[in-house]
Amino acid sequence: MTGEGVVVVVPAELETGFLLAGVETVATASAGEAVEALDRIVEEGLPGVVAVYEPFLAEAPSERRGVYDASIAPVVVPLPAGLEERDVESHWGRISAMLSRAVGYHITFGPEGPR
């Protein structure tokens, strides 16, 4: 990471879309490469957000995921793999968990969304 902001750690085939959006990227070919890249970024301790392709993050060793969950500089968040999951409750649950982690306060959502 070059400084404050957002960086995404994604498979190479997704990199172009993020680059076109002006986001700093780290393209990786496997979960192992993603973990190595994420470890380097977290070690730098720069402020910002690191969004990691969720399937890669899910394959990281549990002790590494604990380090990423505890990191506040940068904040590490999962980047959902796609829209195949149409379950509204899990969608709002995911958003609630990310907000809770980011602001330190649990927010609940009703069936229609946030209140």
PDB file of N, CA and C in Angstrom:
ATOM      1  N   MET A   1       0.846  -1.172   0.000  1.00  0.00           N
ATOM      2  CA  MET A   1       0.000   0.000   0.000  1.00  0.00           C
ATOM      3  C   MET A   1       0.889   1.231   0.000  1.00  0.00           C
ATOM      4  N   THR A   2       0.484   2.193  -0.754  1.00  0.00           N
ATOM      5  CA  THR A   2       1.316   3.385  -0.861  1.00  0.00           C
ATOM      6  C   THR A   2       0.941   4.467   0.141  1.00  0.00           C
ATOM      7  N   GLY A   3      -0.125   4.314   0.841  1.00  0.00           N
ATOM      8  CA  GLY A   3      -0.531   5.333   1.807  1.00  0.00           C
ATOM      9  C   GLY A   3      -1.982   5.134   2.170  1.00  0.00           C
ATOM     10  N   GLU A   4      -2.602   6.185   2.712  1.00  0.00           N
ATOM     11  CA  GLU A   4      -4.000   6.093   3.099  1.00  0.00           C
ATOM     12  C   GLU A   4      -4.870   5.830   1.882  1.00  0.00           C
ATOM     13  N   GLY A   5      -5.912   5.059   2.063  1.00  0.00           N
ATOM     14  CA  GLY A   5      -6.817   4.778   0.970  1.00  0.00           C
ATOM     15  C   GLY A   5      -7.289   3.348   0.975  1.00  0.00           C
ATOM     16  N   VAL A   6      -7.630   2.884  -0.217  1.00  0.00           N
ATOM     17  CA  VAL A   6      -8.166   1.542  -0.376  1.00  0.00           C
ATOM     18  C   VAL A   6      -7.265   0.771  -1.325  1.00  0.00           C
ATOM     19  N   VAL A   7      -7.009  -0.476  -0.986  1.00  0.00           N
ATOM     20  CA  VAL A   7      -6.313  -1.394  -1.883  1.00  0.00           C
ATOM     21  C   VAL A   7      -7.104  -2.686  -1.876  1.00  0.00           C
ATOM     22  N   VAL A   8      -7.192  -3.318  -3.047  1.00  0.00           N
ATOM     23  CA  VAL A   8      -7.886  -4.601  -3.128  1.00  0.00           C
ATOM     24  C   VAL A   8      -6.904  -5.688  -3.514  1.00  0.00           C
ATOM     25  N   VAL A   9      -7.077  -6.846  -2.892  1.00  0.00           N
ATOM     26  CA  VAL A   9      -6.275  -8.030  -3.207  1.00  0.00           C
ATOM     27  C   VAL A   9      -7.235  -8.995  -3.886  1.00  0.00           C
ATOM     28  N   VAL A  10      -7.025  -9.182  -5.203  1.00  0.00           N
ATOM     29  CA  VAL A  10      -7.971  -9.940  -6.012  1.00  0.00           C
ATOM     30  C   VAL A  10      -7.251 -10.854  -6.993  1.00  0.00           C
ATOM     31  N   PRO A  11      -7.995 -11.824  -7.553  1.00  0.00           N
ATOM     32  CA  PRO A  11      -7.414 -12.625  -8.628  1.00  0.00           C
ATOM     33  C   PRO A  11      -7.104 -11.719  -9.819  1.00  0.00           C
ATOM     34  N   ALA A  12      -6.111 -12.101 -10.606  1.00  0.00           N
ATOM     35  CA  ALA A  12      -5.676 -11.289 -11.746  1.00  0.00           C
ATOM     36  C   ALA A  12      -6.823 -10.958 -12.692  1.00  0.00           C
ATOM     37  N   GLU A  13      -7.772 -11.879 -12.870  1.00  0.00           N
ATOM     38  CA  GLU A  13      -8.864 -11.627 -13.806  1.00  0.00           C
ATOM     39  C   GLU A  13      -9.826 -10.536 -13.348  1.00  0.00           C
ATOM     40  N   LEU A  14      -9.786 -10.154 -12.084  1.00  0.00           N
ATOM     41  CA  LEU A  14     -10.638  -9.071 -11.581  1.00  0.00           C
ATOM     42  C   LEU A  14      -9.898  -7.737 -11.476  1.00  0.00           C
ATOM     43  N   GLU A  15      -8.603  -7.758 -11.641  1.00  0.00           N
ATOM     44  CA  GLU A  15      -7.793  -6.566 -11.419  1.00  0.00           C
ATOM     45  C   GLU A  15      -8.177  -5.391 -12.326  1.00  0.00           C
ATOM     46  N   THR A  16      -8.403  -5.634 -13.601  1.00  0.00           N
ATOM     47  CA  THR A  16      -8.667  -4.555 -14.544  1.00  0.00           C
ATOM     48  C   THR A  16      -9.853  -3.691 -14.124  1.00  0.00           C
ATOM     49  N   GLY A  17     -10.918  -4.315 -13.674  1.00  0.00           N
ATOM     50  CA  GLY A  17     -12.096  -3.554 -13.252  1.00  0.00           C
ATOM     51  C   GLY A  17     -11.785  -2.591 -12.117  1.00  0.00           C
ATOM     52  N   PHE A  18     -11.000  -3.036 -11.158  1.00  0.00           N
ATOM     53  CA  PHE A  18     -10.641  -2.170 -10.034  1.00  0.00           C
ATOM     54  C   PHE A  18      -9.676  -1.072 -10.471  1.00  0.00           C
ATOM     55  N   LEU A  19      -8.759  -1.412 -11.366  1.00  0.00           N
ATOM     56  CA  LEU A  19      -7.838  -0.394 -11.883  1.00  0.00           C
ATOM     57  C   LEU A  19      -8.602   0.680 -12.642  1.00  0.00           C
ATOM     58  N   LEU A  20      -9.595   0.281 -13.436  1.00  0.00           N
ATOM     59  CA  LEU A  20     -10.410   1.250 -14.166  1.00  0.00           C
ATOM     60  C   LEU A  20     -11.193   2.159 -13.218  1.00  0.00           C
ATOM     61  N   ALA A  21     -11.507   1.641 -12.042  1.00  0.00           N
ATOM     62  CA  ALA A  21     -12.215   2.435 -11.036  1.00  0.00           C
ATOM     63  C   ALA A  21     -11.257   3.312 -10.233  1.00  0.00           C
ATOM     64  N   GLY A  22      -9.952   3.184 -10.508  1.00  0.00           N
ATOM     65  CA  GLY A  22      -8.972   4.023  -9.822  1.00  0.00           C
ATOM     66  C   GLY A  22      -8.529   3.497  -8.476  1.00  0.00           C
ATOM     67  N   VAL A  23      -8.730   2.206  -8.241  1.00  0.00           N
ATOM     68  CA  VAL A  23      -8.374   1.606  -6.961  1.00  0.00           C
ATOM     69  C   VAL A  23      -7.022   0.913  -7.085  1.00  0.00           C
ATOM     70  N   GLU A  24      -6.184   1.076  -6.081  1.00  0.00           N
ATOM     71  CA  GLU A  24      -4.910   0.356  -6.048  1.00  0.00           C
ATOM     72  C   GLU A  24      -5.187  -1.132  -5.892  1.00  0.00           C
ATOM     73  N   THR A  25      -4.494  -1.954  -6.662  1.00  0.00           N
ATOM     74  CA  THR A  25      -4.748  -3.389  -6.623  1.00  0.00           C
ATOM     75  C   THR A  25      -3.468  -4.181  -6.394  1.00  0.00           C
ATOM     76  N   VAL A  26      -3.666  -5.392  -5.881  1.00  0.00           N
ATOM     77  CA  VAL A  26      -2.617  -6.396  -5.819  1.00  0.00           C
ATOM     78  C   VAL A  26      -3.244  -7.645  -6.427  1.00  0.00           C
ATOM     79  N   ALA A  27      -2.764  -8.033  -7.605  1.00  0.00           N
ATOM     80  CA  ALA A  27      -3.303  -9.219  -8.278  1.00  0.00           C
ATOM     81  C   ALA A  27      -2.551 -10.453  -7.803  1.00  0.00           C
ATOM     82  N   THR A  28      -3.300 -11.490  -7.441  1.00  0.00           N
ATOM     83  CA  THR A  28      -2.696 -12.743  -6.976  1.00  0.00           C
ATOM     84  C   THR A  28      -3.337 -13.908  -7.713  1.00  0.00           C
ATOM     85  N   ALA A  29      -2.596 -14.991  -7.809  1.00  0.00           N
ATOM     86  CA  ALA A  29      -3.078 -16.171  -8.535  1.00  0.00           C
ATOM     87  C   ALA A  29      -3.656 -17.239  -7.614  1.00  0.00           C
ATOM     88  N   SER A  30      -3.447 -17.094  -6.317  1.00  0.00           N
ATOM     89  CA  SER A  30      -3.913 -18.127  -5.385  1.00  0.00           C
ATOM     90  C   SER A  30      -4.135 -17.524  -4.005  1.00  0.00           C
ATOM     91  N   ALA A  31      -4.790 -18.302  -3.155  1.00  0.00           N
ATOM     92  CA  ALA A  31      -5.000 -17.861  -1.773  1.00  0.00           C
ATOM     93  C   ALA A  31      -3.663 -17.687  -1.059  1.00  0.00           C
ATOM     94  N   GLY A  32      -2.707 -18.576  -1.335  1.00  0.00           N
ATOM     95  CA  GLY A  32      -1.390 -18.469  -0.712  1.00  0.00           C
ATOM     96  C   GLY A  32      -0.702 -17.160  -1.061  1.00  0.00           C
ATOM     97  N   GLU A  33      -0.746 -16.783  -2.334  1.00  0.00           N
ATOM     98  CA  GLU A  33      -0.163 -15.498  -2.747  1.00  0.00           C
ATOM     99  C   GLU A  33      -0.902 -14.330  -2.103  1.00  0.00           C
ATOM    100  N   ALA A  34      -2.225 -14.450  -1.988  1.00  0.00           N
ATOM    101  CA  ALA A  34      -3.015 -13.382  -1.367  1.00  0.00           C
ATOM    102  C   ALA A  34      -2.622 -13.199   0.099  1.00  0.00           C
ATOM    103  N   VAL A  35      -2.416 -14.310   0.813  1.00  0.00           N
ATOM    104  CA  VAL A  35      -2.012 -14.245   2.221  1.00  0.00           C
ATOM    105  C   VAL A  35      -0.637 -13.579   2.336  1.00  0.00           C
ATOM    106  N   GLU A  36       0.297 -13.949   1.465  1.00  0.00           N
ATOM    107  CA  GLU A  36       1.625 -13.317   1.487  1.00  0.00           C
ATOM    108  C   GLU A  36       1.513 -11.811   1.246  1.00  0.00           C
ATOM    109  N   ALA A  37       0.717 -11.416   0.259  1.00  0.00           N
ATOM    110  CA  ALA A  37       0.544  -9.989  -0.042  1.00  0.00           C
ATOM    111  C   ALA A  37      -0.122  -9.277   1.130  1.00  0.00           C
ATOM    112  N   LEU A  38      -1.145  -9.894   1.692  1.00  0.00           N
ATOM    113  CA  LEU A  38      -1.861  -9.289   2.816  1.00  0.00           C
ATOM    114  C   LEU A  38      -0.958  -9.152   4.030  1.00  0.00           C
ATOM    115  N   ASP A  39      -0.127 -10.151   4.282  1.00  0.00           N
ATOM    116  CA  ASP A  39       0.819 -10.062   5.393  1.00  0.00           C
ATOM    117  C   ASP A  39       1.750  -8.857   5.222  1.00  0.00           C
ATOM    118  N   ARG A  40       2.256  -8.654   4.004  1.00  0.00           N
ATOM    119  CA  ARG A  40       3.137  -7.496   3.751  1.00  0.00           C
ATOM    120  C   ARG A  40       2.404  -6.184   3.988  1.00  0.00           C
ATOM    121  N   ILE A  41       1.161  -6.107   3.517  1.00  0.00           N
ATOM    122  CA  ILE A  41       0.384  -4.875   3.669  1.00  0.00           C
ATOM    123  C   ILE A  41       0.098  -4.590   5.138  1.00  0.00           C
ATOM    124  N   VAL A  42      -0.323  -5.614   5.882  1.00  0.00           N
ATOM    125  CA  VAL A  42      -0.645  -5.434   7.306  1.00  0.00           C
ATOM    126  C   VAL A  42       0.616  -5.069   8.090  1.00  0.00           C
ATOM    127  N   GLU A  43       1.762  -5.655   7.739  1.00  0.00           N
ATOM    128  CA  GLU A  43       3.018  -5.317   8.420  1.00  0.00           C
ATOM    129  C   GLU A  43       3.376  -3.845   8.264  1.00  0.00           C
ATOM    130  N   GLU A  44       3.031  -3.259   7.105  1.00  0.00           N
ATOM    131  CA  GLU A  44       3.318  -1.843   6.890  1.00  0.00           C
ATOM    132  C   GLU A  44       2.555  -0.966   7.876  1.00  0.00           C
ATOM    133  N   GLY A  45       1.372  -1.397   8.280  1.00  0.00           N
ATOM    134  CA  GLY A  45       0.594  -0.675   9.279  1.00  0.00           C
ATOM    135  C   GLY A  45       0.075   0.673   8.837  1.00  0.00           C
ATOM    136  N   LEU A  46      -0.015   0.890   7.534  1.00  0.00           N
ATOM    137  CA  LEU A  46      -0.511   2.169   7.041  1.00  0.00           C
ATOM    138  C   LEU A  46      -2.024   2.248   7.196  1.00  0.00           C
ATOM    139  N   PRO A  47      -2.553   3.444   7.465  1.00  0.00           N
ATOM    140  CA  PRO A  47      -4.004   3.576   7.593  1.00  0.00           C
ATOM    141  C   PRO A  47      -4.682   3.340   6.256  1.00  0.00           C
ATOM    142  N   GLY A  48      -5.872   2.837   6.291  1.00  0.00           N
ATOM    143  CA  GLY A  48      -6.630   2.587   5.084  1.00  0.00           C
ATOM    144  C   GLY A  48      -7.441   1.315   5.211  1.00  0.00           C
ATOM    145  N   VAL A  49      -7.945   0.864   4.076  1.00  0.00           N
ATOM    146  CA  VAL A  49      -8.774  -0.333   4.020  1.00  0.00           C
ATOM    147  C   VAL A  49      -8.191  -1.272   2.978  1.00  0.00           C
ATOM    148  N   VAL A  50      -8.114  -2.547   3.321  1.00  0.00           N
ATOM    149  CA  VAL A  50      -7.696  -3.573   2.380  1.00  0.00           C
ATOM    150  C   VAL A  50      -8.883  -4.507   2.189  1.00  0.00           C
ATOM    151  N   ALA A  51      -9.403  -4.543   0.966  1.00  0.00           N
ATOM    152  CA  ALA A  51     -10.491  -5.456   0.629  1.00  0.00           C
ATOM    153  C   ALA A  51      -9.868  -6.678  -0.030  1.00  0.00           C
ATOM    154  N   VAL A  52     -10.147  -7.846   0.513  1.00  0.00           N
ATOM    155  CA  VAL A  52      -9.541  -9.089   0.027  1.00  0.00           C
ATOM    156  C   VAL A  52     -10.634  -9.984  -0.538  1.00  0.00           C
ATOM    157  N   TYR A  53     -10.378 -10.521  -1.727  1.00  0.00           N
ATOM    158  CA  TYR A  53     -11.299 -11.446  -2.366  1.00  0.00           C
ATOM    159  C   TYR A  53     -11.667 -12.528  -1.351  1.00  0.00           C
ATOM    160  N   GLU A  54     -12.934 -12.597  -1.006  1.00  0.00           N
ATOM    161  CA  GLU A  54     -13.389 -13.437   0.108  1.00  0.00           C
ATOM    162  C   GLU A  54     -12.978 -14.908   0.009  1.00  0.00           C
ATOM    163  N   PRO A  55     -13.043 -15.552  -1.160  1.00  0.00           N
ATOM    164  CA  PRO A  55     -12.592 -16.950  -1.210  1.00  0.00           C
ATOM    165  C   PRO A  55     -11.115 -17.103  -0.831  1.00  0.00           C
ATOM    166  N   PHE A  56     -10.273 -16.134  -1.175  1.00  0.00           N
ATOM    167  CA  PHE A  56      -8.870 -16.189  -0.778  1.00  0.00           C
ATOM    168  C   PHE A  56      -8.747 -16.023   0.729  1.00  0.00           C
ATOM    169  N   LEU A  57      -9.499 -15.087   1.295  1.00  0.00           N
ATOM    170  CA  LEU A  57      -9.444 -14.845   2.730  1.00  0.00           C
ATOM    171  C   LEU A  57      -9.937 -16.068   3.503  1.00  0.00           C
ATOM    172  N   ALA A  58     -10.950 -16.730   2.981  1.00  0.00           N
ATOM    173  CA  ALA A  58     -11.500 -17.920   3.638  1.00  0.00           C
ATOM    174  C   ALA A  58     -10.488 -19.065   3.690  1.00  0.00           C
ATOM    175  N   GLU A  59      -9.559 -19.100   2.734  1.00  0.00           N
ATOM    176  CA  GLU A  59      -8.547 -20.156   2.707  1.00  0.00           C
ATOM    177  C   GLU A  59      -7.321 -19.835   3.551  1.00  0.00           C
ATOM    178  N   ALA A  60      -7.236 -18.628   4.084  1.00  0.00           N
ATOM    179  CA  ALA A  60      -6.096 -18.251   4.924  1.00  0.00           C
ATOM    180  C   ALA A  60      -6.133 -19.060   6.217  1.00  0.00           C
ATOM    181  N   PRO A  61      -4.964 -19.398   6.765  1.00  0.00           N
ATOM    182  CA  PRO A  61      -4.936 -20.107   8.047  1.00  0.00           C
ATOM    183  C   PRO A  61      -5.681 -19.295   9.118  1.00  0.00           C
ATOM    184  N   SER A  62      -6.337 -20.002  10.021  1.00  0.00           N
ATOM    185  CA  SER A  62      -7.175 -19.326  11.023  1.00  0.00           C
ATOM    186  C   SER A  62      -6.390 -18.324  11.865  1.00  0.00           C
ATOM    187  N   GLU A  63      -5.129 -18.633  12.200  1.00  0.00           N
ATOM    188  CA  GLU A  63      -4.354 -17.668  13.003  1.00  0.00           C
ATOM    189  C   GLU A  63      -4.080 -16.392  12.216  1.00  0.00           C
ATOM    190  N   ARG A  64      -3.918 -16.492  10.899  1.00  0.00           N
ATOM    191  CA  ARG A  64      -3.708 -15.296  10.068  1.00  0.00           C
ATOM    192  C   ARG A  64      -5.002 -14.492   9.985  1.00  0.00           C
ATOM    193  N   ARG A  65      -6.150 -15.196   9.851  1.00  0.00           N
ATOM    194  CA  ARG A  65      -7.435 -14.482   9.807  1.00  0.00           C
ATOM    195  C   ARG A  65      -7.654 -13.718  11.102  1.00  0.00           C
ATOM    196  N   GLY A  66      -7.209 -14.294  12.222  1.00  0.00           N
ATOM    197  CA  GLY A  66      -7.320 -13.578  13.496  1.00  0.00           C
ATOM    198  C   GLY A  66      -6.510 -12.300  13.503  1.00  0.00           C
ATOM    199  N   VAL A  67      -5.321 -12.341  12.911  1.00  0.00           N
ATOM    200  CA  VAL A  67      -4.479 -11.138  12.802  1.00  0.00           C
ATOM    201  C   VAL A  67      -5.177 -10.103  11.933  1.00  0.00           C
ATOM    202  N   TYR A  68      -5.755 -10.546  10.809  1.00  0.00           N
ATOM    203  CA  TYR A  68      -6.422  -9.616   9.906  1.00  0.00           C
ATOM    204  C   TYR A  68      -7.654  -9.012  10.565  1.00  0.00           C
ATOM    205  N   ASP A  69      -8.408  -9.830  11.301  1.00  0.00           N
ATOM    206  CA  ASP A  69      -9.599  -9.324  11.987  1.00  0.00           C
ATOM    207  C   ASP A  69      -9.241  -8.270  13.029  1.00  0.00           C
ATOM    208  N   ALA A  70      -8.090  -8.433  13.670  1.00  0.00           N
ATOM    209  CA  ALA A  70      -7.676  -7.505  14.729  1.00  0.00           C
ATOM    210  C   ALA A  70      -7.006  -6.247  14.179  1.00  0.00           C
ATOM    211  N   SER A  71      -6.609  -6.258  12.926  1.00  0.00           N
ATOM    212  CA  SER A  71      -5.879  -5.132  12.356  1.00  0.00           C
ATOM    213  C   SER A  71      -6.762  -3.884  12.248  1.00  0.00           C
ATOM    214  N   ILE A  72      -6.225  -2.765  12.727  1.00  0.00           N
ATOM    215  CA  ILE A  72      -6.943  -1.496  12.588  1.00  0.00           C
ATOM    216  C   ILE A  72      -6.197  -0.528  11.674  1.00  0.00           C
ATOM    217  N   ALA A  73      -4.979  -0.865  11.333  1.00  0.00           N
ATOM    218  CA  ALA A  73      -4.197  -0.035  10.411  1.00  0.00           C
ATOM    219  C   ALA A  73      -3.367  -0.965   9.545  1.00  0.00           C
ATOM    220  N   PRO A  74      -3.902  -1.411   8.480  1.00  0.00           N
ATOM    221  CA  PRO A  74      -5.188  -1.099   7.842  1.00  0.00           C
ATOM    222  C   PRO A  74      -6.312  -2.006   8.354  1.00  0.00           C
ATOM    223  N   VAL A  75      -7.539  -1.607   8.054  1.00  0.00           N
ATOM    224  CA  VAL A  75      -8.695  -2.449   8.325  1.00  0.00           C
ATOM    225  C   VAL A  75      -8.816  -3.420   7.157  1.00  0.00           C
ATOM    226  N   VAL A  76      -8.940  -4.696   7.458  1.00  0.00           N
ATOM    227  CA  VAL A  76      -9.044  -5.734   6.429  1.00  0.00           C
ATOM    228  C   VAL A  76     -10.496  -6.201   6.359  1.00  0.00           C
ATOM    229  N   VAL A  77     -11.086  -6.120   5.168  1.00  0.00           N
ATOM    230  CA  VAL A  77     -12.474  -6.540   4.983  1.00  0.00           C
ATOM    231  C   VAL A  77     -12.569  -7.524   3.822  1.00  0.00           C
ATOM    232  N   PRO A  78     -13.523  -8.469   3.909  1.00  0.00           N
ATOM    233  CA  PRO A  78     -13.706  -9.401   2.791  1.00  0.00           C
ATOM    234  C   PRO A  78     -14.408  -8.720   1.630  1.00  0.00           C
ATOM    235  N   LEU A  79     -14.009  -9.062   0.433  1.00  0.00           N
ATOM    236  CA  LEU A  79     -14.636  -8.568  -0.784  1.00  0.00           C
ATOM    237  C   LEU A  79     -15.448  -9.727  -1.352  1.00  0.00           C
ATOM    238  N   PRO A  80     -16.778  -9.654  -1.279  1.00  0.00           N
ATOM    239  CA  PRO A  80     -17.602 -10.779  -1.725  1.00  0.00           C
ATOM    240  C   PRO A  80     -17.256 -11.212  -3.147  1.00  0.00           C
ATOM    241  N   ALA A  81     -17.348 -12.511  -3.370  1.00  0.00           N
ATOM    242  CA  ALA A  81     -16.952 -13.094  -4.650  1.00  0.00           C
ATOM    243  C   ALA A  81     -17.953 -12.820  -5.755  1.00  0.00           C
ATOM    244  N   GLY A  82     -19.189 -12.582  -5.427  1.00  0.00           N
ATOM    245  CA  GLY A  82     -20.180 -12.361  -6.471  1.00  0.00           C
ATOM    246  C   GLY A  82     -21.574 -12.267  -5.907  1.00  0.00           C
ATOM    247  N   LEU A  83     -22.533 -12.304  -6.796  1.00  0.00           N
ATOM    248  CA  LEU A  83     -23.920 -12.120  -6.399  1.00  0.00           C
ATOM    249  C   LEU A  83     -24.726 -13.410  -6.391  1.00  0.00           C
ATOM    250  N   GLU A  84     -24.046 -14.558  -6.406  1.00  0.00           N
ATOM    251  CA  GLU A  84     -24.788 -15.805  -6.440  1.00  0.00           C
ATOM    252  C   GLU A  84     -25.625 -16.022  -5.188  1.00  0.00           C
ATOM    253  N   GLU A  85     -25.252 -15.380  -4.106  1.00  0.00           N
ATOM    254  CA  GLU A  85     -26.007 -15.524  -2.862  1.00  0.00           C
ATOM    255  C   GLU A  85     -27.090 -14.457  -2.823  1.00  0.00           C
ATOM    256  N   ARG A  86     -28.329 -14.869  -2.900  1.00  0.00           N
ATOM    257  CA  ARG A  86     -29.452 -13.927  -2.958  1.00  0.00           C
ATOM    258  C   ARG A  86     -30.179 -13.801  -1.628  1.00  0.00           C
ATOM    259  N   ASP A  87     -29.674 -14.403  -0.583  1.00  0.00           N
ATOM    260  CA  ASP A  87     -30.310 -14.383   0.722  1.00  0.00           C
ATOM    261  C   ASP A  87     -30.171 -12.999   1.349  1.00  0.00           C
ATOM    262  N   VAL A  88     -31.288 -12.287   1.457  1.00  0.00           N
ATOM    263  CA  VAL A  88     -31.281 -10.915   1.970  1.00  0.00           C
ATOM    264  C   VAL A  88     -30.780 -10.860   3.406  1.00  0.00           C
ATOM    265  N   GLU A  89     -31.176 -11.845   4.235  1.00  0.00           N
ATOM    266  CA  GLU A  89     -30.747 -11.826   5.632  1.00  0.00           C
ATOM    267  C   GLU A  89     -29.230 -11.929   5.748  1.00  0.00           C
ATOM    268  N   SER A  90     -28.610 -12.781   4.971  1.00  0.00           N
ATOM    269  CA  SER A  90     -27.155 -12.895   5.062  1.00  0.00           C
ATOM    270  C   SER A  90     -26.474 -11.651   4.496  1.00  0.00           C
ATOM    271  N   HIS A  91     -27.109 -11.016   3.510  1.00  0.00           N
ATOM    272  CA  HIS A  91     -26.575  -9.770   2.951  1.00  0.00           C
ATOM    273  C   HIS A  91     -26.534  -8.691   4.035  1.00  0.00           C
ATOM    274  N   TRP A  92     -27.658  -8.486   4.729  1.00  0.00           N
ATOM    275  CA  TRP A  92     -27.698  -7.462   5.781  1.00  0.00           C
ATOM    276  C   TRP A  92     -26.836  -7.876   6.969  1.00  0.00           C
ATOM    277  N   GLY A  93     -26.745  -9.168   7.239  1.00  0.00           N
ATOM    278  CA  GLY A  93     -25.881  -9.647   8.313  1.00  0.00           C
ATOM    279  C   GLY A  93     -24.427  -9.325   8.034  1.00  0.00           C
ATOM    280  N   ARG A  94     -24.021  -9.492   6.778  1.00  0.00           N
ATOM    281  CA  ARG A  94     -22.646  -9.170   6.379  1.00  0.00           C
ATOM    282  C   ARG A  94     -22.379  -7.673   6.539  1.00  0.00           C
ATOM    283  N   ILE A  95     -23.313  -6.861   6.092  1.00  0.00           N
ATOM    284  CA  ILE A  95     -23.143  -5.406   6.216  1.00  0.00           C
ATOM    285  C   ILE A  95     -23.104  -5.011   7.688  1.00  0.00           C
ATOM    286  N   SER A  96     -23.979  -5.603   8.487  1.00  0.00           N
ATOM    287  CA  SER A  96     -24.000  -5.317   9.916  1.00  0.00           C
ATOM    288  C   SER A  96     -22.672  -5.660  10.566  1.00  0.00           C
ATOM    289  N   ALA A  97     -22.106  -6.811  10.230  1.00  0.00           N
ATOM    290  CA  ALA A  97     -20.823  -7.223  10.807  1.00  0.00           C
ATOM    291  C   ALA A  97     -19.704  -6.265  10.407  1.00  0.00           C
ATOM    292  N   MET A  98     -19.700  -5.837   9.144  1.00  0.00           N
ATOM    293  CA  MET A  98     -18.655  -4.899   8.702  1.00  0.00           C
ATOM    294  C   MET A  98     -18.803  -3.550   9.404  1.00  0.00           C
ATOM    295  N   LEU A  99     -20.037  -3.071   9.533  1.00  0.00           N
ATOM    296  CA  LEU A  99     -20.250  -1.790  10.218  1.00  0.00           C
ATOM    297  C   LEU A  99     -19.869  -1.888  11.688  1.00  0.00           C
ATOM    298  N   SER A 100     -20.235  -2.989  12.315  1.00  0.00           N
ATOM    299  CA  SER A 100     -19.906  -3.185  13.717  1.00  0.00           C
ATOM    300  C   SER A 100     -18.401  -3.147  13.928  1.00  0.00           C
ATOM    301  N   ARG A 101     -17.682  -3.796  13.048  1.00  0.00           N
ATOM    302  CA  ARG A 101     -16.225  -3.810  13.151  1.00  0.00           C
ATOM    303  C   ARG A 101     -15.634  -2.430  12.887  1.00  0.00           C
ATOM    304  N   ALA A 102     -16.192  -1.725  11.902  1.00  0.00           N
ATOM    305  CA  ALA A 102     -15.641  -0.430  11.507  1.00  0.00           C
ATOM    306  C   ALA A 102     -15.901   0.653  12.548  1.00  0.00           C
ATOM    307  N   VAL A 103     -17.099   0.661  13.119  1.00  0.00           N
ATOM    308  CA  VAL A 103     -17.449   1.744  14.042  1.00  0.00           C
ATOM    309  C   VAL A 103     -17.493   1.304  15.496  1.00  0.00           C
ATOM    310  N   GLY A 104     -17.351   0.007  15.743  1.00  0.00           N
ATOM    311  CA  GLY A 104     -17.350  -0.483  17.113  1.00  0.00           C
ATOM    312  C   GLY A 104     -18.725  -0.491  17.751  1.00  0.00           C
ATOM    313  N   TYR A 105     -19.760  -0.551  16.942  1.00  0.00           N
ATOM    314  CA  TYR A 105     -21.124  -0.524  17.450  1.00  0.00           C
ATOM    315  C   TYR A 105     -21.971  -1.465  16.617  1.00  0.00           C
ATOM    316  N   HIS A 106     -22.766  -2.303  17.251  1.00  0.00           N
ATOM    317  CA  HIS A 106     -23.590  -3.257  16.516  1.00  0.00           C
ATOM    318  C   HIS A 106     -24.876  -2.582  16.033  1.00  0.00           C
ATOM    319  N   ILE A 107     -25.139  -2.687  14.752  1.00  0.00           N
ATOM    320  CA  ILE A 107     -26.341  -2.112  14.135  1.00  0.00           C
ATOM    321  C   ILE A 107     -27.183  -3.265  13.629  1.00  0.00           C
ATOM    322  N   THR A 108     -28.474  -3.218  13.905  1.00  0.00           N
ATOM    323  CA  THR A 108     -29.349  -4.294  13.431  1.00  0.00           C
ATOM    324  C   THR A 108     -30.186  -3.811  12.257  1.00  0.00           C
ATOM    325  N   PHE A 109     -30.637  -4.760  11.456  1.00  0.00           N
ATOM    326  CA  PHE A 109     -31.427  -4.468  10.275  1.00  0.00           C
ATOM    327  C   PHE A 109     -32.703  -5.275  10.333  1.00  0.00           C
ATOM    328  N   GLY A 110     -33.800  -4.644   9.919  1.00  0.00           N
ATOM    329  CA  GLY A 110     -35.063  -5.345   9.794  1.00  0.00           C
ATOM    330  C   GLY A 110     -35.175  -5.951   8.417  1.00  0.00           C
ATOM    331  N   PRO A 111     -36.317  -6.580   8.114  1.00  0.00           N
ATOM    332  CA  PRO A 111     -36.484  -7.217   6.813  1.00  0.00           C
ATOM    333  C   PRO A 111     -36.338  -6.254   5.624  1.00  0.00           C
ATOM    334  N   GLU A 112     -36.671  -4.980   5.832  1.00  0.00           N
ATOM    335  CA  GLU A 112     -36.600  -4.011   4.748  1.00  0.00           C
ATOM    336  C   GLU A 112     -35.244  -3.336   4.657  1.00  0.00           C
ATOM    337  N   GLY A 113     -34.333  -3.642   5.542  1.00  0.00           N
ATOM    338  CA  GLY A 113     -33.024  -2.991   5.510  1.00  0.00           C
ATOM    339  C   GLY A 113     -32.731  -2.276   6.811  1.00  0.00           C
ATOM    340  N   PRO A 114     -31.794  -1.336   6.786  1.00  0.00           N
ATOM    341  CA  PRO A 114     -31.402  -0.646   8.020  1.00  0.00           C
ATOM    342  C   PRO A 114     -32.496   0.239   8.560  1.00  0.00           C
ATOM    343  N   ARG A 115     -32.487   0.403   9.878  1.00  0.00           N
ATOM    344  CA  ARG A 115     -33.435   1.330  10.527  1.00  0.00           C
ATOM    345  C   ARG A 115     -32.682   2.304  11.379  1.00  0.00           C
TER     346      ARG A 115
END
